Amino acid sequence: MQELPKLTATSYIVLGLVELAGEATPYEMKQAAAASLGNFWTLQHAQFYTEPQRLAAAELLEEEREQGGRRRRRYRLTAAGRSALEEWRGEPTDDLGELREPALLKLFFGAPPAPLAAAQLRVHRAKLAAYELRREQLADTGGPAGPRATLEAGVAHEHEWVRFWSERA
């Protein structure tokens, strides 16, 4: 096997989504990300097409191309891909994410808090309700522990935003 390219967060997202699905097209990966990790990590649409190809060239994914029709590419993890994903998961991180909140930026530069708070409370309460509904659904069906744990982080995050903006309303 050739030397591995530098793997990025996008690389591990693609490997992880393929692992969760068993196999996936770039479009299926994009849809899965939007419905799950898209709540806390964004990717450009094109990355779901370029990154799997790069990982296939590095033999971390196996690519199968449809012979007819749209000639979609389906990807599966290779043993090397599974190993790279396992190694990455096993490495603790002390990196902090960047908080990019447009309302906080406006607040920082002197926007009146009450109108911002009213708008932010609407969206954060709606997101909290969506997360809580998803939590109820998962309580019935189970699902992998990782997505359930990140959902709990999302619920806590939205509770905190509701508290923060309520104080400014």
N, C-alpha and C. Protein backbone atom coordinates (compact mmCIF):
# COMPACT_ATOMS: atom_id res chain seq x y z
N MET A 1 0.84 -1.18 0.00
CA MET A 1 0.00 0.00 0.00
C MET A 1 0.88 1.24 0.00
N GLN A 2 0.42 2.28 -0.66
CA GLN A 2 1.17 3.52 -0.73
C GLN A 2 1.09 4.28 0.58
N GLU A 3 1.95 5.31 0.71
CA GLU A 3 1.95 6.14 1.92
C GLU A 3 0.62 6.90 1.99
N LEU A 4 0.06 6.96 3.19
CA LEU A 4 -1.22 7.64 3.38
C LEU A 4 -1.08 9.14 3.17
N PRO A 5 -2.07 9.75 2.53
CA PRO A 5 -2.07 11.20 2.43
C PRO A 5 -2.43 11.78 3.80
N LYS A 6 -2.25 13.08 3.97
CA LYS A 6 -2.67 13.73 5.21
C LYS A 6 -4.19 13.61 5.31
N LEU A 7 -4.64 13.06 6.41
CA LEU A 7 -6.08 12.91 6.63
C LEU A 7 -6.58 14.09 7.45
N THR A 8 -7.72 14.62 7.04
CA THR A 8 -8.32 15.79 7.66
C THR A 8 -9.62 15.40 8.35
N ALA A 9 -10.24 16.36 9.01
CA ALA A 9 -11.55 16.11 9.60
C ALA A 9 -12.52 15.62 8.53
N THR A 10 -12.45 16.20 7.34
CA THR A 10 -13.32 15.77 6.24
C THR A 10 -13.06 14.31 5.89
N SER A 11 -11.79 13.90 5.89
CA SER A 11 -11.45 12.51 5.61
C SER A 11 -12.14 11.58 6.59
N TYR A 12 -12.04 11.93 7.87
CA TYR A 12 -12.62 11.06 8.91
C TYR A 12 -14.15 11.09 8.88
N ILE A 13 -14.72 12.22 8.49
CA ILE A 13 -16.19 12.29 8.34
C ILE A 13 -16.62 11.32 7.25
N VAL A 14 -15.94 11.34 6.12
CA VAL A 14 -16.29 10.44 5.01
C VAL A 14 -16.10 8.99 5.43
N LEU A 15 -14.96 8.68 6.05
CA LEU A 15 -14.73 7.30 6.50
C LEU A 15 -15.79 6.87 7.50
N GLY A 16 -16.12 7.75 8.44
CA GLY A 16 -17.12 7.42 9.45
C GLY A 16 -18.51 7.23 8.88
N LEU A 17 -18.89 8.09 7.94
CA LEU A 17 -20.22 7.94 7.32
C LEU A 17 -20.31 6.65 6.52
N VAL A 18 -19.25 6.31 5.83
CA VAL A 18 -19.25 5.05 5.07
C VAL A 18 -19.32 3.88 6.04
N GLU A 19 -18.60 3.96 7.15
CA GLU A 19 -18.67 2.89 8.14
C GLU A 19 -20.09 2.73 8.67
N LEU A 20 -20.74 3.84 9.03
CA LEU A 20 -22.11 3.77 9.56
C LEU A 20 -23.08 3.18 8.55
N ALA A 21 -22.90 3.53 7.28
CA ALA A 21 -23.83 3.07 6.25
C ALA A 21 -23.49 1.68 5.71
N GLY A 22 -22.26 1.26 5.87
CA GLY A 22 -21.83 0.00 5.26
C GLY A 22 -21.26 0.26 3.88
N GLU A 23 -21.97 1.01 3.10
CA GLU A 23 -21.50 1.51 1.81
C GLU A 23 -22.39 2.70 1.46
N ALA A 24 -21.84 3.63 0.66
CA ALA A 24 -22.61 4.84 0.36
C ALA A 24 -22.08 5.53 -0.88
N THR A 25 -23.00 6.21 -1.55
CA THR A 25 -22.62 7.12 -2.63
C THR A 25 -22.31 8.48 -2.01
N PRO A 26 -21.64 9.35 -2.74
CA PRO A 26 -21.42 10.70 -2.21
C PRO A 26 -22.74 11.40 -1.85
N TYR A 27 -23.75 11.23 -2.66
CA TYR A 27 -25.04 11.86 -2.36
C TYR A 27 -25.62 11.32 -1.05
N GLU A 28 -25.53 10.01 -0.84
CA GLU A 28 -26.03 9.42 0.41
C GLU A 28 -25.23 9.92 1.62
N MET A 29 -23.92 10.12 1.44
CA MET A 29 -23.11 10.67 2.52
C MET A 29 -23.56 12.09 2.85
N LYS A 30 -23.80 12.88 1.81
CA LYS A 30 -24.24 14.27 2.01
C LYS A 30 -25.56 14.31 2.76
N GLN A 31 -26.49 13.43 2.38
CA GLN A 31 -27.80 13.37 3.04
C GLN A 31 -27.66 12.94 4.50
N ALA A 32 -26.84 11.93 4.74
CA ALA A 32 -26.63 11.45 6.11
C ALA A 32 -25.99 12.53 6.98
N ALA A 33 -25.03 13.25 6.42
CA ALA A 33 -24.38 14.32 7.18
C ALA A 33 -25.36 15.43 7.51
N ALA A 34 -26.18 15.80 6.54
CA ALA A 34 -27.15 16.89 6.77
C ALA A 34 -28.12 16.53 7.88
N ALA A 35 -28.48 15.27 7.99
CA ALA A 35 -29.46 14.83 8.98
C ALA A 35 -28.84 14.54 10.35
N SER A 36 -27.52 14.60 10.45
CA SER A 36 -26.90 14.22 11.72
C SER A 36 -25.79 15.20 12.10
N LEU A 37 -24.59 14.93 11.68
CA LEU A 37 -23.47 15.75 12.09
C LEU A 37 -23.50 17.14 11.49
N GLY A 38 -24.35 17.37 10.51
CA GLY A 38 -24.51 18.72 9.96
C GLY A 38 -25.02 19.70 10.99
N ASN A 39 -25.52 19.20 12.11
CA ASN A 39 -25.96 20.08 13.19
C ASN A 39 -24.79 20.67 13.97
N PHE A 40 -23.59 20.10 13.80
CA PHE A 40 -22.44 20.66 14.53
C PHE A 40 -21.17 20.74 13.69
N TRP A 41 -21.22 20.26 12.44
CA TRP A 41 -20.03 20.33 11.58
C TRP A 41 -20.50 20.47 10.14
N THR A 42 -20.05 21.50 9.46
CA THR A 42 -20.49 21.70 8.09
C THR A 42 -19.38 21.35 7.10
N LEU A 43 -19.82 20.90 5.96
CA LEU A 43 -18.91 20.59 4.85
C LEU A 43 -19.50 21.17 3.58
N GLN A 44 -18.63 21.52 2.67
CA GLN A 44 -19.08 21.96 1.35
C GLN A 44 -19.58 20.73 0.58
N HIS A 45 -20.64 20.93 -0.18
CA HIS A 45 -21.25 19.86 -0.97
C HIS A 45 -20.21 19.11 -1.80
N ALA A 46 -19.32 19.82 -2.44
CA ALA A 46 -18.34 19.20 -3.33
C ALA A 46 -17.39 18.26 -2.59
N GLN A 47 -17.19 18.47 -1.30
CA GLN A 47 -16.26 17.62 -0.55
C GLN A 47 -16.75 16.18 -0.47
N PHE A 48 -18.05 15.97 -0.59
CA PHE A 48 -18.58 14.60 -0.57
C PHE A 48 -18.31 13.87 -1.89
N TYR A 49 -17.83 14.58 -2.87
CA TYR A 49 -17.47 13.97 -4.15
C TYR A 49 -15.96 13.86 -4.30
N THR A 50 -15.23 14.89 -3.88
CA THR A 50 -13.77 14.86 -4.05
C THR A 50 -13.07 14.02 -2.99
N GLU A 51 -13.49 14.11 -1.75
CA GLU A 51 -12.79 13.39 -0.67
C GLU A 51 -12.90 11.87 -0.81
N PRO A 52 -14.06 11.30 -1.12
CA PRO A 52 -14.09 9.84 -1.30
C PRO A 52 -13.16 9.37 -2.42
N GLN A 53 -13.04 10.15 -3.49
CA GLN A 53 -12.14 9.77 -4.57
C GLN A 53 -10.69 9.78 -4.08
N ARG A 54 -10.34 10.80 -3.30
CA ARG A 54 -8.98 10.89 -2.75
C ARG A 54 -8.70 9.72 -1.81
N LEU A 55 -9.70 9.37 -0.99
CA LEU A 55 -9.52 8.25 -0.06
C LEU A 55 -9.48 6.90 -0.79
N ALA A 56 -10.19 6.80 -1.89
CA ALA A 56 -10.12 5.58 -2.70
C ALA A 56 -8.74 5.45 -3.35
N ALA A 57 -8.20 6.57 -3.82
CA ALA A 57 -6.85 6.54 -4.41
C ALA A 57 -5.81 6.14 -3.37
N ALA A 58 -6.07 6.46 -2.11
CA ALA A 58 -5.15 6.09 -1.02
C ALA A 58 -5.46 4.70 -0.46
N GLU A 59 -6.42 4.00 -1.06
CA GLU A 59 -6.82 2.65 -0.69
C GLU A 59 -7.45 2.57 0.71
N LEU A 60 -8.07 3.66 1.15
CA LEU A 60 -8.80 3.65 2.41
C LEU A 60 -10.28 3.35 2.17
N LEU A 61 -10.73 3.60 0.96
CA LEU A 61 -12.08 3.24 0.51
C LEU A 61 -11.96 2.42 -0.75
N GLU A 62 -12.91 1.55 -0.94
CA GLU A 62 -13.02 0.78 -2.17
C GLU A 62 -14.16 1.41 -2.96
N GLU A 63 -13.92 1.67 -4.23
CA GLU A 63 -14.92 2.31 -5.08
C GLU A 63 -15.49 1.31 -6.08
N GLU A 64 -16.80 1.32 -6.21
CA GLU A 64 -17.47 0.53 -7.23
C GLU A 64 -18.30 1.49 -8.05
N ARG A 65 -18.15 1.43 -9.37
CA ARG A 65 -18.87 2.36 -10.25
C ARG A 65 -19.95 1.60 -11.00
N GLU A 66 -21.16 2.16 -11.00
CA GLU A 66 -22.26 1.54 -11.75
C GLU A 66 -21.87 1.52 -13.23
N GLN A 67 -22.25 0.46 -13.92
CA GLN A 67 -21.89 0.33 -15.32
C GLN A 67 -22.82 1.13 -16.24
N GLY A 68 -24.06 1.29 -15.83
CA GLY A 68 -25.00 2.02 -16.67
C GLY A 68 -25.66 3.15 -15.91
N GLY A 69 -26.61 3.78 -16.54
CA GLY A 69 -27.38 4.83 -15.88
C GLY A 69 -26.50 6.01 -15.51
N ARG A 70 -26.64 6.45 -14.28
CA ARG A 70 -25.91 7.63 -13.82
C ARG A 70 -24.46 7.33 -13.46
N ARG A 71 -24.09 6.05 -13.50
CA ARG A 71 -22.72 5.63 -13.20
C ARG A 71 -22.25 6.13 -11.84
N ARG A 72 -23.16 6.01 -10.87
CA ARG A 72 -22.84 6.43 -9.50
C ARG A 72 -21.67 5.63 -8.94
N ARG A 73 -20.95 6.28 -8.06
CA ARG A 73 -19.85 5.64 -7.34
C ARG A 73 -20.35 5.25 -5.96
N ARG A 74 -20.09 4.01 -5.58
CA ARG A 74 -20.42 3.53 -4.23
C ARG A 74 -19.09 3.21 -3.55
N TYR A 75 -19.03 3.58 -2.29
CA TYR A 75 -17.79 3.39 -1.53
C TYR A 75 -18.02 2.49 -0.33
N ARG A 76 -16.99 1.68 -0.02
CA ARG A 76 -16.95 0.84 1.16
C ARG A 76 -15.58 1.03 1.81
N LEU A 77 -15.55 0.85 3.13
CA LEU A 77 -14.26 0.92 3.84
C LEU A 77 -13.39 -0.27 3.49
N THR A 78 -12.12 -0.03 3.35
CA THR A 78 -11.15 -1.11 3.24
C THR A 78 -10.63 -1.38 4.66
N ALA A 79 -9.85 -2.42 4.81
CA ALA A 79 -9.25 -2.71 6.12
C ALA A 79 -8.36 -1.54 6.54
N ALA A 80 -7.63 -0.95 5.60
CA ALA A 80 -6.77 0.20 5.92
C ALA A 80 -7.61 1.41 6.34
N GLY A 81 -8.76 1.59 5.69
CA GLY A 81 -9.65 2.69 6.06
C GLY A 81 -10.22 2.50 7.46
N ARG A 82 -10.61 1.29 7.76
CA ARG A 82 -11.14 0.97 9.09
C ARG A 82 -10.05 1.20 10.15
N SER A 83 -8.84 0.80 9.84
CA SER A 83 -7.72 0.97 10.76
C SER A 83 -7.43 2.46 11.00
N ALA A 84 -7.43 3.26 9.94
CA ALA A 84 -7.18 4.70 10.07
C ALA A 84 -8.27 5.36 10.91
N LEU A 85 -9.51 4.95 10.71
CA LEU A 85 -10.63 5.50 11.47
C LEU A 85 -10.52 5.10 12.94
N GLU A 86 -10.18 3.85 13.21
CA GLU A 86 -10.01 3.38 14.59
C GLU A 86 -8.88 4.13 15.30
N GLU A 87 -7.78 4.32 14.59
CA GLU A 87 -6.64 5.04 15.17
C GLU A 87 -7.04 6.48 15.51
N TRP A 88 -7.74 7.14 14.60
CA TRP A 88 -8.19 8.52 14.82
C TRP A 88 -9.13 8.61 16.02
N ARG A 89 -10.09 7.67 16.08
CA ARG A 89 -11.04 7.67 17.21
C ARG A 89 -10.33 7.47 18.55
N GLY A 90 -9.24 6.73 18.53
CA GLY A 90 -8.53 6.42 19.76
C GLY A 90 -7.64 7.53 20.27
N GLU A 91 -7.45 8.58 19.47
CA GLU A 91 -6.59 9.69 19.88
C GLU A 91 -7.45 10.79 20.51
N PRO A 92 -7.30 11.01 21.82
CA PRO A 92 -8.06 12.11 22.45
C PRO A 92 -7.66 13.45 21.82
N THR A 93 -8.54 14.42 21.89
CA THR A 93 -8.22 15.74 21.36
C THR A 93 -8.49 16.79 22.42
N ASP A 94 -7.64 17.81 22.43
CA ASP A 94 -7.87 18.95 23.30
C ASP A 94 -8.13 20.21 22.47
N ASP A 95 -8.42 20.02 21.19
CA ASP A 95 -8.74 21.14 20.31
C ASP A 95 -10.12 21.70 20.68
N LEU A 96 -10.23 23.00 20.70
CA LEU A 96 -11.52 23.65 20.88
C LEU A 96 -12.06 24.06 19.52
N GLY A 97 -13.36 23.94 19.35
CA GLY A 97 -13.99 24.40 18.12
C GLY A 97 -14.13 25.90 18.12
N GLU A 98 -14.38 26.44 16.96
CA GLU A 98 -14.58 27.87 16.81
C GLU A 98 -16.06 28.17 16.93
N LEU A 99 -16.39 29.14 17.76
CA LEU A 99 -17.78 29.55 17.93
C LEU A 99 -18.05 30.66 16.93
N ARG A 100 -18.83 30.38 15.90
CA ARG A 100 -19.15 31.36 14.85
C ARG A 100 -20.66 31.60 14.88
N GLU A 101 -21.08 32.53 15.70
CA GLU A 101 -22.50 32.85 15.85
C GLU A 101 -22.74 34.27 15.37
N PRO A 102 -23.45 34.44 14.26
CA PRO A 102 -23.69 35.79 13.74
C PRO A 102 -24.34 36.73 14.75
N ALA A 103 -25.24 36.21 15.57
CA ALA A 103 -25.90 37.07 16.56
C ALA A 103 -24.89 37.56 17.61
N LEU A 104 -23.95 36.70 18.01
CA LEU A 104 -22.93 37.14 18.96
C LEU A 104 -22.03 38.21 18.34
N LEU A 105 -21.75 38.06 17.07
CA LEU A 105 -20.94 39.06 16.38
C LEU A 105 -21.65 40.42 16.40
N LYS A 106 -22.94 40.42 16.11
CA LYS A 106 -23.72 41.66 16.15
C LYS A 106 -23.78 42.22 17.56
N LEU A 107 -23.98 41.35 18.54
CA LEU A 107 -24.03 41.77 19.94
C LEU A 107 -22.70 42.41 20.34
N PHE A 108 -21.61 41.79 19.94
CA PHE A 108 -20.27 42.30 20.24
C PHE A 108 -20.09 43.72 19.73
N PHE A 109 -20.62 43.97 18.52
CA PHE A 109 -20.45 45.28 17.91
C PHE A 109 -21.59 46.25 18.23
N GLY A 110 -22.36 45.95 19.26
CA GLY A 110 -23.29 46.92 19.78
C GLY A 110 -24.73 46.84 19.33
N ALA A 111 -25.14 45.76 18.70
CA ALA A 111 -26.55 45.63 18.31
C ALA A 111 -27.41 45.60 19.57
N PRO A 112 -28.62 46.16 19.53
CA PRO A 112 -29.50 46.10 20.70
C PRO A 112 -29.84 44.64 21.02
N PRO A 113 -29.65 44.23 22.27
CA PRO A 113 -29.84 42.82 22.63
C PRO A 113 -31.27 42.30 22.49
N ALA A 114 -32.28 43.08 22.84
CA ALA A 114 -33.65 42.56 22.87
C ALA A 114 -34.13 42.05 21.51
N PRO A 115 -33.98 42.81 20.42
CA PRO A 115 -34.43 42.26 19.13
C PRO A 115 -33.64 41.02 18.70
N LEU A 116 -32.34 41.03 18.95
CA LEU A 116 -31.53 39.83 18.65
C LEU A 116 -32.04 38.65 19.47
N ALA A 117 -32.30 38.90 20.76
CA ALA A 117 -32.74 37.83 21.66
C ALA A 117 -34.05 37.23 21.19
N ALA A 118 -34.98 38.06 20.76
CA ALA A 118 -36.29 37.55 20.30
C ALA A 118 -36.10 36.60 19.12
N ALA A 119 -35.28 37.01 18.15
CA ALA A 119 -35.05 36.16 16.97
C ALA A 119 -34.28 34.90 17.35
N GLN A 120 -33.28 35.04 18.21
CA GLN A 120 -32.47 33.89 18.60
C GLN A 120 -33.27 32.89 19.44
N LEU A 121 -34.14 33.40 20.29
CA LEU A 121 -34.98 32.50 21.08
C LEU A 121 -35.87 31.66 20.19
N ARG A 122 -36.41 32.26 19.14
CA ARG A 122 -37.26 31.49 18.21
C ARG A 122 -36.48 30.33 17.60
N VAL A 123 -35.31 30.63 17.07
CA VAL A 123 -34.57 29.57 16.37
C VAL A 123 -33.99 28.54 17.33
N HIS A 124 -33.51 28.99 18.49
CA HIS A 124 -32.92 28.02 19.42
C HIS A 124 -33.99 27.15 20.09
N ARG A 125 -35.15 27.72 20.35
CA ARG A 125 -36.24 26.88 20.89
C ARG A 125 -36.71 25.87 19.85
N ALA A 126 -36.76 26.26 18.59
CA ALA A 126 -37.16 25.33 17.53
C ALA A 126 -36.13 24.22 17.37
N LYS A 127 -34.86 24.57 17.41
CA LYS A 127 -33.80 23.55 17.29
C LYS A 127 -33.84 22.62 18.49
N LEU A 128 -34.05 23.17 19.68
CA LEU A 128 -34.16 22.35 20.89
C LEU A 128 -35.32 21.37 20.78
N ALA A 129 -36.45 21.84 20.28
CA ALA A 129 -37.61 20.96 20.12
C ALA A 129 -37.30 19.84 19.12
N ALA A 130 -36.60 20.17 18.04
CA ALA A 130 -36.24 19.16 17.04
C ALA A 130 -35.29 18.12 17.65
N TYR A 131 -34.31 18.59 18.43
CA TYR A 131 -33.39 17.66 19.07
C TYR A 131 -34.11 16.77 20.07
N GLU A 132 -35.01 17.35 20.85
CA GLU A 132 -35.73 16.56 21.84
C GLU A 132 -36.64 15.52 21.18
N LEU A 133 -37.25 15.88 20.06
CA LEU A 133 -38.05 14.91 19.31
C LEU A 133 -37.17 13.78 18.81
N ARG A 134 -36.02 14.11 18.28
CA ARG A 134 -35.08 13.08 17.79
C ARG A 134 -34.63 12.19 18.94
N ARG A 135 -34.42 12.78 20.12
CA ARG A 135 -34.02 12.00 21.29
C ARG A 135 -35.12 11.01 21.66
N GLU A 136 -36.38 11.44 21.61
CA GLU A 136 -37.50 10.53 21.89
C GLU A 136 -37.54 9.40 20.88
N GLN A 137 -37.32 9.72 19.60
CA GLN A 137 -37.33 8.70 18.56
C GLN A 137 -36.21 7.68 18.80
N LEU A 138 -35.03 8.17 19.16
CA LEU A 138 -33.91 7.26 19.40
C LEU A 138 -34.12 6.42 20.65
N ALA A 139 -34.85 6.94 21.62
CA ALA A 139 -35.14 6.16 22.82
C ALA A 139 -35.93 4.91 22.47
N ASP A 140 -36.78 5.01 21.44
CA ASP A 140 -37.58 3.87 20.99
C ASP A 140 -36.79 2.89 20.14
N THR A 141 -35.85 3.43 19.32
CA THR A 141 -35.15 2.58 18.35
C THR A 141 -33.71 2.28 18.72
N GLY A 142 -33.15 3.01 19.65
CA GLY A 142 -31.74 2.81 19.99
C GLY A 142 -30.86 3.55 19.01
N GLY A 143 -29.96 2.86 18.39
CA GLY A 143 -29.02 3.47 17.47
C GLY A 143 -27.64 3.51 18.10
N PRO A 144 -26.64 3.87 17.30
CA PRO A 144 -25.26 3.90 17.80
C PRO A 144 -25.09 4.90 18.95
N ALA A 145 -24.21 4.56 19.89
CA ALA A 145 -23.98 5.40 21.07
C ALA A 145 -23.41 6.77 20.70
N GLY A 146 -22.53 6.83 19.72
CA GLY A 146 -21.90 8.11 19.36
C GLY A 146 -22.91 9.16 18.92
N PRO A 147 -23.77 8.85 17.95
CA PRO A 147 -24.78 9.85 17.57
C PRO A 147 -25.72 10.22 18.72
N ARG A 148 -26.05 9.25 19.58
CA ARG A 148 -26.91 9.57 20.73
C ARG A 148 -26.19 10.54 21.68
N ALA A 149 -24.91 10.33 21.92
CA ALA A 149 -24.15 11.21 22.81
C ALA A 149 -24.03 12.61 22.22
N THR A 150 -23.78 12.72 20.92
CA THR A 150 -23.68 14.05 20.33
C THR A 150 -25.03 14.75 20.32
N LEU A 151 -26.10 13.98 20.21
CA LEU A 151 -27.44 14.57 20.31
C LEU A 151 -27.64 15.17 21.70
N GLU A 152 -27.18 14.48 22.74
CA GLU A 152 -27.28 15.01 24.10
C GLU A 152 -26.48 16.31 24.23
N ALA A 153 -25.34 16.38 23.59
CA ALA A 153 -24.56 17.63 23.59
C ALA A 153 -25.35 18.74 22.90
N GLY A 154 -26.02 18.40 21.81
CA GLY A 154 -26.84 19.40 21.12
C GLY A 154 -27.99 19.90 21.97
N VAL A 155 -28.64 19.00 22.70
CA VAL A 155 -29.73 19.39 23.60
C VAL A 155 -29.19 20.35 24.66
N ALA A 156 -28.08 20.00 25.28
CA ALA A 156 -27.48 20.85 26.32
C ALA A 156 -27.08 22.21 25.75
N HIS A 157 -26.51 22.19 24.56
CA HIS A 157 -26.09 23.42 23.88
C HIS A 157 -27.30 24.34 23.65
N GLU A 158 -28.39 23.78 23.16
CA GLU A 158 -29.57 24.60 22.89
C GLU A 158 -30.21 25.10 24.18
N HIS A 159 -30.19 24.29 25.23
CA HIS A 159 -30.69 24.77 26.53
C HIS A 159 -29.89 25.99 26.98
N GLU A 160 -28.59 25.93 26.79
CA GLU A 160 -27.74 27.05 27.20
C GLU A 160 -28.02 28.30 26.36
N TRP A 161 -28.21 28.13 25.05
CA TRP A 161 -28.53 29.30 24.22
C TRP A 161 -29.88 29.91 24.62
N VAL A 162 -30.84 29.07 24.93
CA VAL A 162 -32.15 29.59 25.37
C VAL A 162 -31.97 30.37 26.67
N ARG A 163 -31.18 29.85 27.60
CA ARG A 163 -30.92 30.57 28.84
C ARG A 163 -30.23 31.90 28.57
N PHE A 164 -29.18 31.87 27.76
CA PHE A 164 -28.40 33.08 27.45
C PHE A 164 -29.28 34.16 26.82
N TRP A 165 -30.04 33.80 25.78
CA TRP A 165 -30.84 34.80 25.08
C TRP A 165 -32.05 35.22 25.91
N SER A 166 -32.55 34.34 26.77
CA SER A 166 -33.66 34.73 27.66
C SER A 166 -33.24 35.87 28.59
N GLU A 167 -32.01 35.83 29.04
CA GLU A 167 -31.50 36.88 29.91
C GLU A 167 -31.38 38.22 29.19
N ARG A 168 -31.31 38.20 27.88
CA ARG A 168 -31.14 39.43 27.11
C ARG A 168 -32.42 39.91 26.46
N ALA A 169 -33.48 39.13 26.59
CA ALA A 169 -34.76 39.47 25.95
C ALA A 169 -35.43 40.67 26.62
